[in-house]
Amino acid sequence: MLLLLINMILNEGHTWIEWSKDGTKLRYNDPERLMRELQALGFKAQDAASLSKNFNDYGFKRLSDARKSRYDPWRSNWTIFTHQNFVRNNSESATNIQRRRARRPRSSIKKDSPVSDDAFW
């Protein structure tokens, strides 16, 4: 669903979110506006960190990060993501993008039973 929504926004011709010239990268420079647009379309994430996590869950790679540009005026203020199957005008390729399996929470991971302190003292 996230990819469908992103594609809808990209196709509207906004200046704050766009495809790269070669159509293999997505970039945006207003994460708050992107979140508002996505929420208006039914996306449930609450903040930009949730959005980044969702991109990561689908196997996207972050190429640059606007969060760091706040401290360095020479850096780009665009956040850029790429995925080998998320390409402009190729919706068939995007159907191959699958959400990665969710990790188990740390509390549910079984650990080897620890050796008691009595064994060492």
PDB file of N, CA and C in Angstrom:
ATOM      1  N   MET A   1       0.818  -1.194   0.000  1.00  0.00           N
ATOM      2  CA  MET A   1       0.000   0.000   0.000  1.00  0.00           C
ATOM      3  C   MET A   1       0.865   1.263   0.000  1.00  0.00           C
ATOM      4  N   LEU A   2       1.944   1.251   0.789  1.00  0.00           N
ATOM      5  CA  LEU A   2       2.834   2.413   0.842  1.00  0.00           C
ATOM      6  C   LEU A   2       3.333   2.770  -0.551  1.00  0.00           C
ATOM      7  N   LEU A   3       3.759   1.776  -1.316  1.00  0.00           N
ATOM      8  CA  LEU A   3       4.322   2.044  -2.637  1.00  0.00           C
ATOM      9  C   LEU A   3       3.271   2.615  -3.580  1.00  0.00           C
ATOM     10  N   LEU A   4       2.058   2.119  -3.484  1.00  0.00           N
ATOM     11  CA  LEU A   4       0.974   2.646  -4.304  1.00  0.00           C
ATOM     12  C   LEU A   4       0.724   4.115  -3.984  1.00  0.00           C
ATOM     13  N   LEU A   5       0.712   4.438  -2.701  1.00  0.00           N
ATOM     14  CA  LEU A   5       0.479   5.818  -2.288  1.00  0.00           C
ATOM     15  C   LEU A   5       1.613   6.733  -2.728  1.00  0.00           C
ATOM     16  N   ILE A   6       2.851   6.270  -2.546  1.00  0.00           N
ATOM     17  CA  ILE A   6       4.011   7.067  -2.971  1.00  0.00           C
ATOM     18  C   ILE A   6       3.939   7.319  -4.474  1.00  0.00           C
ATOM     19  N   ASN A   7       3.607   6.288  -5.222  1.00  0.00           N
ATOM     20  CA  ASN A   7       3.509   6.428  -6.675  1.00  0.00           C
ATOM     21  C   ASN A   7       2.438   7.445  -7.054  1.00  0.00           C
ATOM     22  N   MET A   8       1.307   7.433  -6.347  1.00  0.00           N
ATOM     23  CA  MET A   8       0.247   8.406  -6.621  1.00  0.00           C
ATOM     24  C   MET A   8       0.755   9.827  -6.410  1.00  0.00           C
ATOM     25  N   ILE A   9       1.457  10.041  -5.323  1.00  0.00           N
ATOM     26  CA  ILE A   9       1.973  11.379  -5.019  1.00  0.00           C
ATOM     27  C   ILE A   9       3.026  11.791  -6.048  1.00  0.00           C
ATOM     28  N   LEU A  10       3.909  10.862  -6.419  1.00  0.00           N
ATOM     29  CA  LEU A  10       4.945  11.174  -7.407  1.00  0.00           C
ATOM     30  C   LEU A  10       4.327  11.585  -8.741  1.00  0.00           C
ATOM     31  N   ASN A  11       3.240  10.961  -9.109  1.00  0.00           N
ATOM     32  CA  ASN A  11       2.612  11.246 -10.401  1.00  0.00           C
ATOM     33  C   ASN A  11       1.835  12.554 -10.421  1.00  0.00           C
ATOM     34  N   GLU A  12       1.698  13.214  -9.275  1.00  0.00           N
ATOM     35  CA  GLU A  12       0.978  14.487  -9.230  1.00  0.00           C
ATOM     36  C   GLU A  12       1.868  15.675  -9.582  1.00  0.00           C
ATOM     37  N   GLY A  13       3.162  15.470  -9.736  1.00  0.00           N
ATOM     38  CA  GLY A  13       4.057  16.531 -10.169  1.00  0.00           C
ATOM     39  C   GLY A  13       4.421  17.557  -9.115  1.00  0.00           C
ATOM     40  N   HIS A  14       4.536  17.152  -7.874  1.00  0.00           N
ATOM     41  CA  HIS A  14       4.948  18.068  -6.809  1.00  0.00           C
ATOM     42  C   HIS A  14       6.435  18.405  -6.934  1.00  0.00           C
ATOM     43  N   THR A  15       6.829  19.539  -6.370  1.00  0.00           N
ATOM     44  CA  THR A  15       8.246  19.922  -6.402  1.00  0.00           C
ATOM     45  C   THR A  15       9.006  19.415  -5.187  1.00  0.00           C
ATOM     46  N   TRP A  16       8.327  18.948  -4.163  1.00  0.00           N
ATOM     47  CA  TRP A  16       8.975  18.497  -2.928  1.00  0.00           C
ATOM     48  C   TRP A  16       9.204  16.991  -2.896  1.00  0.00           C
ATOM     49  N   ILE A  17       8.667  16.264  -3.890  1.00  0.00           N
ATOM     50  CA  ILE A  17       8.923  14.829  -4.025  1.00  0.00           C
ATOM     51  C   ILE A  17       9.026  14.544  -5.515  1.00  0.00           C
ATOM     52  N   GLU A  18      10.036  13.773  -5.903  1.00  0.00           N
ATOM     53  CA  GLU A  18      10.229  13.552  -7.332  1.00  0.00           C
ATOM     54  C   GLU A  18      11.080  12.318  -7.589  1.00  0.00           C
ATOM     55  N   TRP A  19      11.028  11.890  -8.847  1.00  0.00           N
ATOM     56  CA  TRP A  19      11.893  10.821  -9.321  1.00  0.00           C
ATOM     57  C   TRP A  19      13.235  11.422  -9.728  1.00  0.00           C
ATOM     58  N   SER A  20      14.277  10.613  -9.685  1.00  0.00           N
ATOM     59  CA  SER A  20      15.556  11.038 -10.256  1.00  0.00           C
ATOM     60  C   SER A  20      15.405  11.063 -11.777  1.00  0.00           C
ATOM     61  N   LYS A  21      16.359  11.671 -12.465  1.00  0.00           N
ATOM     62  CA  LYS A  21      16.284  11.759 -13.928  1.00  0.00           C
ATOM     63  C   LYS A  21      16.191  10.387 -14.578  1.00  0.00           C
ATOM     64  N   ASP A  22      16.937   9.407 -14.026  1.00  0.00           N
ATOM     65  CA  ASP A  22      16.912   8.068 -14.617  1.00  0.00           C
ATOM     66  C   ASP A  22      15.747   7.218 -14.115  1.00  0.00           C
ATOM     67  N   GLY A  23      14.954   7.745 -13.182  1.00  0.00           N
ATOM     68  CA  GLY A  23      13.760   7.051 -12.716  1.00  0.00           C
ATOM     69  C   GLY A  23      14.005   5.893 -11.770  1.00  0.00           C
ATOM     70  N   THR A  24      15.187   5.842 -11.159  1.00  0.00           N
ATOM     71  CA  THR A  24      15.502   4.723 -10.261  1.00  0.00           C
ATOM     72  C   THR A  24      15.542   5.123  -8.794  1.00  0.00           C
ATOM     73  N   LYS A  25      15.384   6.404  -8.516  1.00  0.00           N
ATOM     74  CA  LYS A  25      15.451   6.890  -7.135  1.00  0.00           C
ATOM     75  C   LYS A  25      14.273   7.816  -6.866  1.00  0.00           C
ATOM     76  N   LEU A  26      13.853   7.803  -5.621  1.00  0.00           N
ATOM     77  CA  LEU A  26      12.791   8.674  -5.144  1.00  0.00           C
ATOM     78  C   LEU A  26      13.422   9.623  -4.146  1.00  0.00           C
ATOM     79  N   ARG A  27      13.083  10.907  -4.231  1.00  0.00           N
ATOM     80  CA  ARG A  27      13.626  11.836  -3.244  1.00  0.00           C
ATOM     81  C   ARG A  27      12.543  12.811  -2.803  1.00  0.00           C
ATOM     82  N   TYR A  28      12.664  13.245  -1.545  1.00  0.00           N
ATOM     83  CA  TYR A  28      11.734  14.233  -1.008  1.00  0.00           C
ATOM     84  C   TYR A  28      12.477  15.130  -0.037  1.00  0.00           C
ATOM     85  N   ASN A  29      11.992  16.364   0.108  1.00  0.00           N
ATOM     86  CA  ASN A  29      12.664  17.306   1.009  1.00  0.00           C
ATOM     87  C   ASN A  29      11.719  17.896   2.053  1.00  0.00           C
ATOM     88  N   ASP A  30      10.521  17.344   2.150  1.00  0.00           N
ATOM     89  CA  ASP A  30       9.567  17.824   3.153  1.00  0.00           C
ATOM     90  C   ASP A  30       8.864  16.613   3.770  1.00  0.00           C
ATOM     91  N   PRO A  31       9.526  15.942   4.726  1.00  0.00           N
ATOM     92  CA  PRO A  31       8.949  14.717   5.290  1.00  0.00           C
ATOM     93  C   PRO A  31       7.610  14.948   5.988  1.00  0.00           C
ATOM     94  N   GLU A  32       7.428  16.110   6.604  1.00  0.00           N
ATOM     95  CA  GLU A  32       6.153  16.386   7.274  1.00  0.00           C
ATOM     96  C   GLU A  32       5.011  16.475   6.258  1.00  0.00           C
ATOM     97  N   ARG A  33       5.280  17.122   5.145  1.00  0.00           N
ATOM     98  CA  ARG A  33       4.244  17.222   4.112  1.00  0.00           C
ATOM     99  C   ARG A  33       3.958  15.849   3.514  1.00  0.00           C
ATOM    100  N   LEU A  34       4.999  15.061   3.289  1.00  0.00           N
ATOM    101  CA  LEU A  34       4.804  13.713   2.767  1.00  0.00           C
ATOM    102  C   LEU A  34       3.920  12.904   3.714  1.00  0.00           C
ATOM    103  N   MET A  35       4.170  13.022   5.014  1.00  0.00           N
ATOM    104  CA  MET A  35       3.350  12.305   5.988  1.00  0.00           C
ATOM    105  C   MET A  35       1.897  12.774   5.928  1.00  0.00           C
ATOM    106  N   ARG A  36       1.672  14.071   5.820  1.00  0.00           N
ATOM    107  CA  ARG A  36       0.298  14.588   5.724  1.00  0.00           C
ATOM    108  C   ARG A  36      -0.409  14.044   4.485  1.00  0.00           C
ATOM    109  N   GLU A  37       0.308  14.040   3.360  1.00  0.00           N
ATOM    110  CA  GLU A  37      -0.273  13.539   2.108  1.00  0.00           C
ATOM    111  C   GLU A  37      -0.601  12.050   2.229  1.00  0.00           C
ATOM    112  N   LEU A  38       0.327  11.277   2.793  1.00  0.00           N
ATOM    113  CA  LEU A  38       0.101   9.840   2.950  1.00  0.00           C
ATOM    114  C   LEU A  38      -1.049   9.560   3.912  1.00  0.00           C
ATOM    115  N   GLN A  39      -1.103  10.296   5.007  1.00  0.00           N
ATOM    116  CA  GLN A  39      -2.186  10.101   5.977  1.00  0.00           C
ATOM    117  C   GLN A  39      -3.539  10.438   5.354  1.00  0.00           C
ATOM    118  N   ALA A  40      -3.578  11.453   4.506  1.00  0.00           N
ATOM    119  CA  ALA A  40      -4.826  11.809   3.826  1.00  0.00           C
ATOM    120  C   ALA A  40      -5.292  10.687   2.897  1.00  0.00           C
ATOM    121  N   LEU A  41      -4.342   9.871   2.423  1.00  0.00           N
ATOM    122  CA  LEU A  41      -4.673   8.748   1.546  1.00  0.00           C
ATOM    123  C   LEU A  41      -4.886   7.449   2.320  1.00  0.00           C
ATOM    124  N   GLY A  42      -4.793   7.505   3.651  1.00  0.00           N
ATOM    125  CA  GLY A  42      -5.079   6.324   4.464  1.00  0.00           C
ATOM    126  C   GLY A  42      -3.885   5.639   5.085  1.00  0.00           C
ATOM    127  N   PHE A  43      -2.682   6.170   4.906  1.00  0.00           N
ATOM    128  CA  PHE A  43      -1.483   5.572   5.499  1.00  0.00           C
ATOM    129  C   PHE A  43      -1.486   5.853   6.993  1.00  0.00           C
ATOM    130  N   LYS A  44      -1.129   4.859   7.802  1.00  0.00           N
ATOM    131  CA  LYS A  44      -1.287   4.960   9.250  1.00  0.00           C
ATOM    132  C   LYS A  44      -0.076   5.494  10.012  1.00  0.00           C
ATOM    133  N   ALA A  45       1.071   5.600   9.404  1.00  0.00           N
ATOM    134  CA  ALA A  45       2.279   6.038  10.124  1.00  0.00           C
ATOM    135  C   ALA A  45       2.091   7.441  10.688  1.00  0.00           C
ATOM    136  N   GLN A  46       2.747   7.701  11.804  1.00  0.00           N
ATOM    137  CA  GLN A  46       2.563   8.969  12.508  1.00  0.00           C
ATOM    138  C   GLN A  46       3.669   9.992  12.276  1.00  0.00           C
ATOM    139  N   ASP A  47       4.872   9.552  11.907  1.00  0.00           N
ATOM    140  CA  ASP A  47       5.972  10.508  11.764  1.00  0.00           C
ATOM    141  C   ASP A  47       6.962  10.029  10.706  1.00  0.00           C
ATOM    142  N   ALA A  48       7.941  10.866  10.423  1.00  0.00           N
ATOM    143  CA  ALA A  48       8.924  10.564   9.384  1.00  0.00           C
ATOM    144  C   ALA A  48       9.754   9.330   9.727  1.00  0.00           C
ATOM    145  N   ALA A  49      10.006   9.088  11.000  1.00  0.00           N
ATOM    146  CA  ALA A  49      10.763   7.896  11.394  1.00  0.00           C
ATOM    147  C   ALA A  49       9.985   6.631  11.031  1.00  0.00           C
ATOM    148  N   SER A  50       8.674   6.658  11.202  1.00  0.00           N
ATOM    149  CA  SER A  50       7.837   5.517  10.819  1.00  0.00           C
ATOM    150  C   SER A  50       7.897   5.296   9.313  1.00  0.00           C
ATOM    151  N   LEU A  51       7.913   6.389   8.577  1.00  0.00           N
ATOM    152  CA  LEU A  51       7.994   6.292   7.128  1.00  0.00           C
ATOM    153  C   LEU A  51       9.313   5.650   6.712  1.00  0.00           C
ATOM    154  N   SER A  52      10.411   6.094   7.303  1.00  0.00           N
ATOM    155  CA  SER A  52      11.718   5.511   6.991  1.00  0.00           C
ATOM    156  C   SER A  52      11.753   4.032   7.338  1.00  0.00           C
ATOM    157  N   LYS A  53      11.162   3.664   8.460  1.00  0.00           N
ATOM    158  CA  LYS A  53      11.110   2.262   8.860  1.00  0.00           C
ATOM    159  C   LYS A  53      10.325   1.453   7.832  1.00  0.00           C
ATOM    160  N   ASN A  54       9.230   2.019   7.335  1.00  0.00           N
ATOM    161  CA  ASN A  54       8.452   1.323   6.319  1.00  0.00           C
ATOM    162  C   ASN A  54       9.256   1.121   5.045  1.00  0.00           C
ATOM    163  N   PHE A  55       9.975   2.148   4.607  1.00  0.00           N
ATOM    164  CA  PHE A  55      10.842   1.977   3.439  1.00  0.00           C
ATOM    165  C   PHE A  55      11.846   0.857   3.693  1.00  0.00           C
ATOM    166  N   ASN A  56      12.446   0.851   4.857  1.00  0.00           N
ATOM    167  CA  ASN A  56      13.415  -0.176   5.211  1.00  0.00           C
ATOM    168  C   ASN A  56      12.770  -1.563   5.218  1.00  0.00           C
ATOM    169  N   ASP A  57      11.558  -1.664   5.755  1.00  0.00           N
ATOM    170  CA  ASP A  57      10.852  -2.948   5.805  1.00  0.00           C
ATOM    171  C   ASP A  57      10.619  -3.524   4.416  1.00  0.00           C
ATOM    172  N   TYR A  58      10.512  -2.663   3.416  1.00  0.00           N
ATOM    173  CA  TYR A  58      10.301  -3.117   2.047  1.00  0.00           C
ATOM    174  C   TYR A  58      11.607  -3.245   1.256  1.00  0.00           C
ATOM    175  N   GLY A  59      12.736  -3.092   1.925  1.00  0.00           N
ATOM    176  CA  GLY A  59      14.019  -3.314   1.274  1.00  0.00           C
ATOM    177  C   GLY A  59      14.597  -2.119   0.540  1.00  0.00           C
ATOM    178  N   PHE A  60      14.055  -0.930   0.757  1.00  0.00           N
ATOM    179  CA  PHE A  60      14.623   0.268   0.146  1.00  0.00           C
ATOM    180  C   PHE A  60      15.934   0.621   0.838  1.00  0.00           C
ATOM    181  N   LYS A  61      16.825   1.233   0.092  1.00  0.00           N
ATOM    182  CA  LYS A  61      18.093   1.695   0.655  1.00  0.00           C
ATOM    183  C   LYS A  61      18.091   3.217   0.665  1.00  0.00           C
ATOM    184  N   ARG A  62      18.495   3.785   1.798  1.00  0.00           N
ATOM    185  CA  ARG A  62      18.589   5.244   1.914  1.00  0.00           C
ATOM    186  C   ARG A  62      19.945   5.670   1.359  1.00  0.00           C
ATOM    187  N   LEU A  63      19.926   6.583   0.397  1.00  0.00           N
ATOM    188  CA  LEU A  63      21.168   7.061  -0.206  1.00  0.00           C
ATOM    189  C   LEU A  63      21.636   8.371   0.398  1.00  0.00           C
ATOM    190  N   SER A  64      20.711   9.176   0.885  1.00  0.00           N
ATOM    191  CA  SER A  64      21.094  10.393   1.600  1.00  0.00           C
ATOM    192  C   SER A  64      20.008  10.702   2.610  1.00  0.00           C
ATOM    193  N   ASP A  65      20.364  11.517   3.569  1.00  0.00           N
ATOM    194  CA  ASP A  65      19.483  11.736   4.701  1.00  0.00           C
ATOM    195  C   ASP A  65      19.418  13.222   5.032  1.00  0.00           C
ATOM    196  N   ALA A  66      18.269  13.837   4.823  1.00  0.00           N
ATOM    197  CA  ALA A  66      18.113  15.269   5.073  1.00  0.00           C
ATOM    198  C   ALA A  66      18.267  15.619   6.546  1.00  0.00           C
ATOM    199  N   ARG A  67      18.075  14.645   7.448  1.00  0.00           N
ATOM    200  CA  ARG A  67      18.208  14.952   8.875  1.00  0.00           C
ATOM    201  C   ARG A  67      19.602  15.468   9.191  1.00  0.00           C
ATOM    202  N   LYS A  68      20.616  14.989   8.477  1.00  0.00           N
ATOM    203  CA  LYS A  68      21.993  15.414   8.736  1.00  0.00           C
ATOM    204  C   LYS A  68      22.283  16.793   8.156  1.00  0.00           C
ATOM    205  N   SER A  69      21.507  17.233   7.181  1.00  0.00           N
ATOM    206  CA  SER A  69      21.779  18.522   6.539  1.00  0.00           C
ATOM    207  C   SER A  69      21.459  19.700   7.447  1.00  0.00           C
ATOM    208  N   ARG A  70      20.692  19.465   8.499  1.00  0.00           N
ATOM    209  CA  ARG A  70      20.394  20.556   9.432  1.00  0.00           C
ATOM    210  C   ARG A  70      21.668  21.099  10.060  1.00  0.00           C
ATOM    211  N   TYR A  71      22.660  20.245  10.200  1.00  0.00           N
ATOM    212  CA  TYR A  71      23.899  20.627  10.873  1.00  0.00           C
ATOM    213  C   TYR A  71      25.015  20.979   9.897  1.00  0.00           C
ATOM    214  N   ASP A  72      24.823  20.676   8.645  1.00  0.00           N
ATOM    215  CA  ASP A  72      25.845  20.928   7.640  1.00  0.00           C
ATOM    216  C   ASP A  72      25.188  21.592   6.427  1.00  0.00           C
ATOM    217  N   PRO A  73      25.330  22.905   6.269  1.00  0.00           N
ATOM    218  CA  PRO A  73      24.638  23.607   5.183  1.00  0.00           C
ATOM    219  C   PRO A  73      25.094  23.192   3.789  1.00  0.00           C
ATOM    220  N   TRP A  74      26.202  22.480   3.677  1.00  0.00           N
ATOM    221  CA  TRP A  74      26.699  22.069   2.371  1.00  0.00           C
ATOM    222  C   TRP A  74      26.072  20.767   1.898  1.00  0.00           C
ATOM    223  N   ARG A  75      25.372  20.081   2.775  1.00  0.00           N
ATOM    224  CA  ARG A  75      24.740  18.814   2.398  1.00  0.00           C
ATOM    225  C   ARG A  75      23.375  19.077   1.768  1.00  0.00           C
ATOM    226  N   SER A  76      22.922  18.154   0.980  1.00  0.00           N
ATOM    227  CA  SER A  76      21.605  18.252   0.358  1.00  0.00           C
ATOM    228  C   SER A  76      20.508  18.137   1.414  1.00  0.00           C
ATOM    229  N   ASN A  77      19.409  18.831   1.204  1.00  0.00           N
ATOM    230  CA  ASN A  77      18.303  18.705   2.141  1.00  0.00           C
ATOM    231  C   ASN A  77      17.258  17.706   1.644  1.00  0.00           C
ATOM    232  N   TRP A  78      17.649  16.842   0.728  1.00  0.00           N
ATOM    233  CA  TRP A  78      16.761  15.813   0.198  1.00  0.00           C
ATOM    234  C   TRP A  78      17.071  14.473   0.857  1.00  0.00           C
ATOM    235  N   THR A  79      16.016  13.707   1.131  1.00  0.00           N
ATOM    236  CA  THR A  79      16.168  12.319   1.550  1.00  0.00           C
ATOM    237  C   THR A  79      15.909  11.475   0.315  1.00  0.00           C
ATOM    238  N   ILE A  80      16.832  10.562   0.025  1.00  0.00           N
ATOM    239  CA  ILE A  80      16.757   9.785  -1.210  1.00  0.00           C
ATOM    240  C   ILE A  80      16.714   8.300  -0.882  1.00  0.00           C
ATOM    241  N   PHE A  81      15.760   7.595  -1.509  1.00  0.00           N
ATOM    242  CA  PHE A  81      15.638   6.148  -1.364  1.00  0.00           C
ATOM    243  C   PHE A  81      15.676   5.504  -2.739  1.00  0.00           C
ATOM    244  N   THR A  82      16.137   4.256  -2.774  1.00  0.00           N
ATOM    245  CA  THR A  82      16.131   3.494  -4.011  1.00  0.00           C
ATOM    246  C   THR A  82      15.793   2.037  -3.718  1.00  0.00           C
ATOM    247  N   HIS A  83      15.250   1.372  -4.711  1.00  0.00           N
ATOM    248  CA  HIS A  83      14.963  -0.063  -4.657  1.00  0.00           C
ATOM    249  C   HIS A  83      15.029  -0.548  -6.093  1.00  0.00           C
ATOM    250  N   GLN A  84      15.657  -1.683  -6.308  1.00  0.00           N
ATOM    251  CA  GLN A  84      15.858  -2.156  -7.679  1.00  0.00           C
ATOM    252  C   GLN A  84      14.542  -2.389  -8.424  1.00  0.00           C
ATOM    253  N   ASN A  85      13.450  -2.633  -7.710  1.00  0.00           N
ATOM    254  CA  ASN A  85      12.164  -2.879  -8.360  1.00  0.00           C
ATOM    255  C   ASN A  85      11.203  -1.693  -8.320  1.00  0.00           C
ATOM    256  N   PHE A  86      11.625  -0.571  -7.752  1.00  0.00           N
ATOM    257  CA  PHE A  86      10.776   0.620  -7.716  1.00  0.00           C
ATOM    258  C   PHE A  86      11.332   1.595  -8.737  1.00  0.00           C
ATOM    259  N   VAL A  87      10.776   1.535  -9.943  1.00  0.00           N
ATOM    260  CA  VAL A  87      11.288   2.294 -11.077  1.00  0.00           C
ATOM    261  C   VAL A  87      10.124   3.048 -11.722  1.00  0.00           C
ATOM    262  N   ARG A  88      10.393   4.268 -12.131  1.00  0.00           N
ATOM    263  CA  ARG A  88       9.354   5.093 -12.762  1.00  0.00           C
ATOM    264  C   ARG A  88       8.749   4.367 -13.965  1.00  0.00           C
ATOM    265  N   ASN A  89       7.433   4.455 -14.095  1.00  0.00           N
ATOM    266  CA  ASN A  89       6.675   3.884 -15.218  1.00  0.00           C
ATOM    267  C   ASN A  89       6.829   2.377 -15.356  1.00  0.00           C
ATOM    268  N   ASN A  90       7.100   1.682 -14.257  1.00  0.00           N
ATOM    269  CA  ASN A  90       7.215   0.226 -14.299  1.00  0.00           C
ATOM    270  C   ASN A  90       6.487  -0.368 -13.095  1.00  0.00           C
ATOM    271  N   SER A  91       5.176  -0.272 -13.108  1.00  0.00           N
ATOM    272  CA  SER A  91       4.390  -0.771 -11.975  1.00  0.00           C
ATOM    273  C   SER A  91       4.467  -2.287 -11.862  1.00  0.00           C
ATOM    274  N   GLU A  92       4.728  -2.973 -12.967  1.00  0.00           N
ATOM    275  CA  GLU A  92       4.858  -4.437 -12.916  1.00  0.00           C
ATOM    276  C   GLU A  92       6.055  -4.842 -12.065  1.00  0.00           C
ATOM    277  N   SER A  93       7.145  -4.127 -12.200  1.00  0.00           N
ATOM    278  CA  SER A  93       8.337  -4.409 -11.401  1.00  0.00           C
ATOM    279  C   SER A  93       8.071  -4.176  -9.915  1.00  0.00           C
ATOM    280  N   ALA A  94       7.279  -3.154  -9.601  1.00  0.00           N
ATOM    281  CA  ALA A  94       6.989  -2.828  -8.200  1.00  0.00           C
ATOM    282  C   ALA A  94       6.193  -3.926  -7.508  1.00  0.00           C
ATOM    283  N   THR A  95       5.484  -4.750  -8.271  1.00  0.00           N
ATOM    284  CA  THR A  95       4.736  -5.843  -7.641  1.00  0.00           C
ATOM    285  C   THR A  95       5.669  -6.882  -7.034  1.00  0.00           C
ATOM    286  N   ASN A  96       6.937  -6.870  -7.424  1.00  0.00           N
ATOM    287  CA  ASN A  96       7.921  -7.803  -6.858  1.00  0.00           C
ATOM    288  C   ASN A  96       8.455  -7.352  -5.505  1.00  0.00           C
ATOM    289  N   ILE A  97       8.114  -6.156  -5.080  1.00  0.00           N
ATOM    290  CA  ILE A  97       8.603  -5.649  -3.797  1.00  0.00           C
ATOM    291  C   ILE A  97       7.749  -6.239  -2.686  1.00  0.00           C
ATOM    292  N   GLN A  98       8.386  -6.965  -1.814  1.00  0.00           N
ATOM    293  CA  GLN A  98       7.688  -7.621  -0.709  1.00  0.00           C
ATOM    294  C   GLN A  98       8.193  -7.084   0.614  1.00  0.00           C
ATOM    295  N   ARG A  99       7.301  -7.015   1.563  1.00  0.00           N
ATOM    296  CA  ARG A  99       7.691  -6.613   2.912  1.00  0.00           C
ATOM    297  C   ARG A  99       8.554  -7.724   3.498  1.00  0.00           C
ATOM    298  N   ARG A 100       9.650  -7.324   4.125  1.00  0.00           N
ATOM    299  CA  ARG A 100      10.515  -8.308   4.772  1.00  0.00           C
ATOM    300  C   ARG A 100       9.793  -8.916   5.957  1.00  0.00           C
ATOM    301  N   ARG A 101      10.178 -10.136   6.286  1.00  0.00           N
ATOM    302  CA  ARG A 101       9.589 -10.771   7.472  1.00  0.00           C
ATOM    303  C   ARG A 101       9.916  -9.952   8.699  1.00  0.00           C
ATOM    304  N   ALA A 102       8.943  -9.802   9.536  1.00  0.00           N
ATOM    305  CA  ALA A 102       9.157  -9.041  10.772  1.00  0.00           C
ATOM    306  C   ALA A 102      10.075  -9.814  11.702  1.00  0.00           C
ATOM    307  N   ARG A 103      10.948  -9.088  12.341  1.00  0.00           N
ATOM    308  CA  ARG A 103      11.811  -9.708  13.344  1.00  0.00           C
ATOM    309  C   ARG A 103      11.000  -9.985  14.591  1.00  0.00           C
ATOM    310  N   ARG A 104      11.428 -11.001  15.307  1.00  0.00           N
ATOM    311  CA  ARG A 104      10.783 -11.265  16.594  1.00  0.00           C
ATOM    312  C   ARG A 104      11.290 -10.250  17.598  1.00  0.00           C
ATOM    313  N   PRO A 105      10.429  -9.819  18.492  1.00  0.00           N
ATOM    314  CA  PRO A 105      10.900  -8.910  19.546  1.00  0.00           C
ATOM    315  C   PRO A 105      11.954  -9.589  20.401  1.00  0.00           C
ATOM    316  N   ARG A 106      12.868  -8.816  20.906  1.00  0.00           N
ATOM    317  CA  ARG A 106      13.952  -9.369  21.721  1.00  0.00           C
ATOM    318  C   ARG A 106      13.438 -10.220  22.874  1.00  0.00           C
ATOM    319  N   SER A 107      12.348  -9.837  23.482  1.00  0.00           N
ATOM    320  CA  SER A 107      11.841 -10.569  24.639  1.00  0.00           C
ATOM    321  C   SER A 107      11.384 -11.977  24.276  1.00  0.00           C
ATOM    322  N   SER A 108      11.080 -12.228  22.990  1.00  0.00           N
ATOM    323  CA  SER A 108      10.620 -13.558  22.613  1.00  0.00           C
ATOM    324  C   SER A 108      11.748 -14.452  22.104  1.00  0.00           C
ATOM    325  N   ILE A 109      12.951 -13.914  21.982  1.00  0.00           N
ATOM    326  CA  ILE A 109      14.085 -14.713  21.535  1.00  0.00           C
ATOM    327  C   ILE A 109      14.594 -15.537  22.704  1.00  0.00           C
ATOM    328  N   LYS A 110      14.662 -16.845  22.483  1.00  0.00           N
ATOM    329  CA  LYS A 110      15.121 -17.716  23.562  1.00  0.00           C
ATOM    330  C   LYS A 110      16.635 -17.622  23.670  1.00  0.00           C
ATOM    331  N   LYS A 111      17.090 -17.473  24.864  1.00  0.00           N
ATOM    332  CA  LYS A 111      18.526 -17.395  25.123  1.00  0.00           C
ATOM    333  C   LYS A 111      18.962 -18.674  25.818  1.00  0.00           C
ATOM    334  N   ASP A 112      20.230 -19.003  25.645  1.00  0.00           N
ATOM    335  CA  ASP A 112      20.756 -20.132  26.405  1.00  0.00           C
ATOM    336  C   ASP A 112      20.642 -19.785  27.874  1.00  0.00           C
ATOM    337  N   SER A 113      20.331 -20.781  28.662  1.00  0.00           N
ATOM    338  CA  SER A 113      20.200 -20.480  30.087  1.00  0.00           C
ATOM    339  C   SER A 113      21.550 -20.052  30.630  1.00  0.00           C
ATOM    340  N   PRO A 114      21.588 -18.910  31.286  1.00  0.00           N
ATOM    341  CA  PRO A 114      22.863 -18.390  31.788  1.00  0.00           C
ATOM    342  C   PRO A 114      23.381 -19.240  32.939  1.00  0.00           C
ATOM    343  N   VAL A 115      24.675 -19.266  33.032  1.00  0.00           N
ATOM    344  CA  VAL A 115      25.311 -19.968  34.142  1.00  0.00           C
ATOM    345  C   VAL A 115      25.151 -19.091  35.369  1.00  0.00           C
ATOM    346  N   SER A 116      24.771 -19.685  36.456  1.00  0.00           N
ATOM    347  CA  SER A 116      24.560 -18.884  37.669  1.00  0.00           C
ATOM    348  C   SER A 116      25.886 -18.382  38.213  1.00  0.00           C
ATOM    349  N   ASP A 117      25.805 -17.302  38.969  1.00  0.00           N
ATOM    350  CA  ASP A 117      27.001 -16.742  39.597  1.00  0.00           C
ATOM    351  C   ASP A 117      27.662 -17.747  40.527  1.00  0.00           C
ATOM    352  N   ASP A 118      26.872 -18.663  41.077  1.00  0.00           N
ATOM    353  CA  ASP A 118      27.414 -19.655  42.010  1.00  0.00           C
ATOM    354  C   ASP A 118      28.483 -20.520  41.353  1.00  0.00           C
ATOM    355  N   ALA A 119      28.396 -20.698  40.041  1.00  0.00           N
ATOM    356  CA  ALA A 119      29.375 -21.536  39.356  1.00  0.00           C
ATOM    357  C   ALA A 119      30.738 -20.864  39.296  1.00  0.00           C
ATOM    358  N   PHE A 120      30.777 -19.544  39.379  1.00  0.00           N
ATOM    359  CA  PHE A 120      32.041 -18.818  39.286  1.00  0.00           C
ATOM    360  C   PHE A 120      32.607 -18.433  40.627  1.00  0.00           C
ATOM    361  N   TRP A 121      31.832 -18.347  41.696  1.00  0.00           N
ATOM    362  CA  TRP A 121      32.290 -17.848  42.989  1.00  0.00           C
ATOM    363  C   TRP A 121      32.328 -18.926  44.007  1.00  0.00           C
TER     364      TRP A 121
END
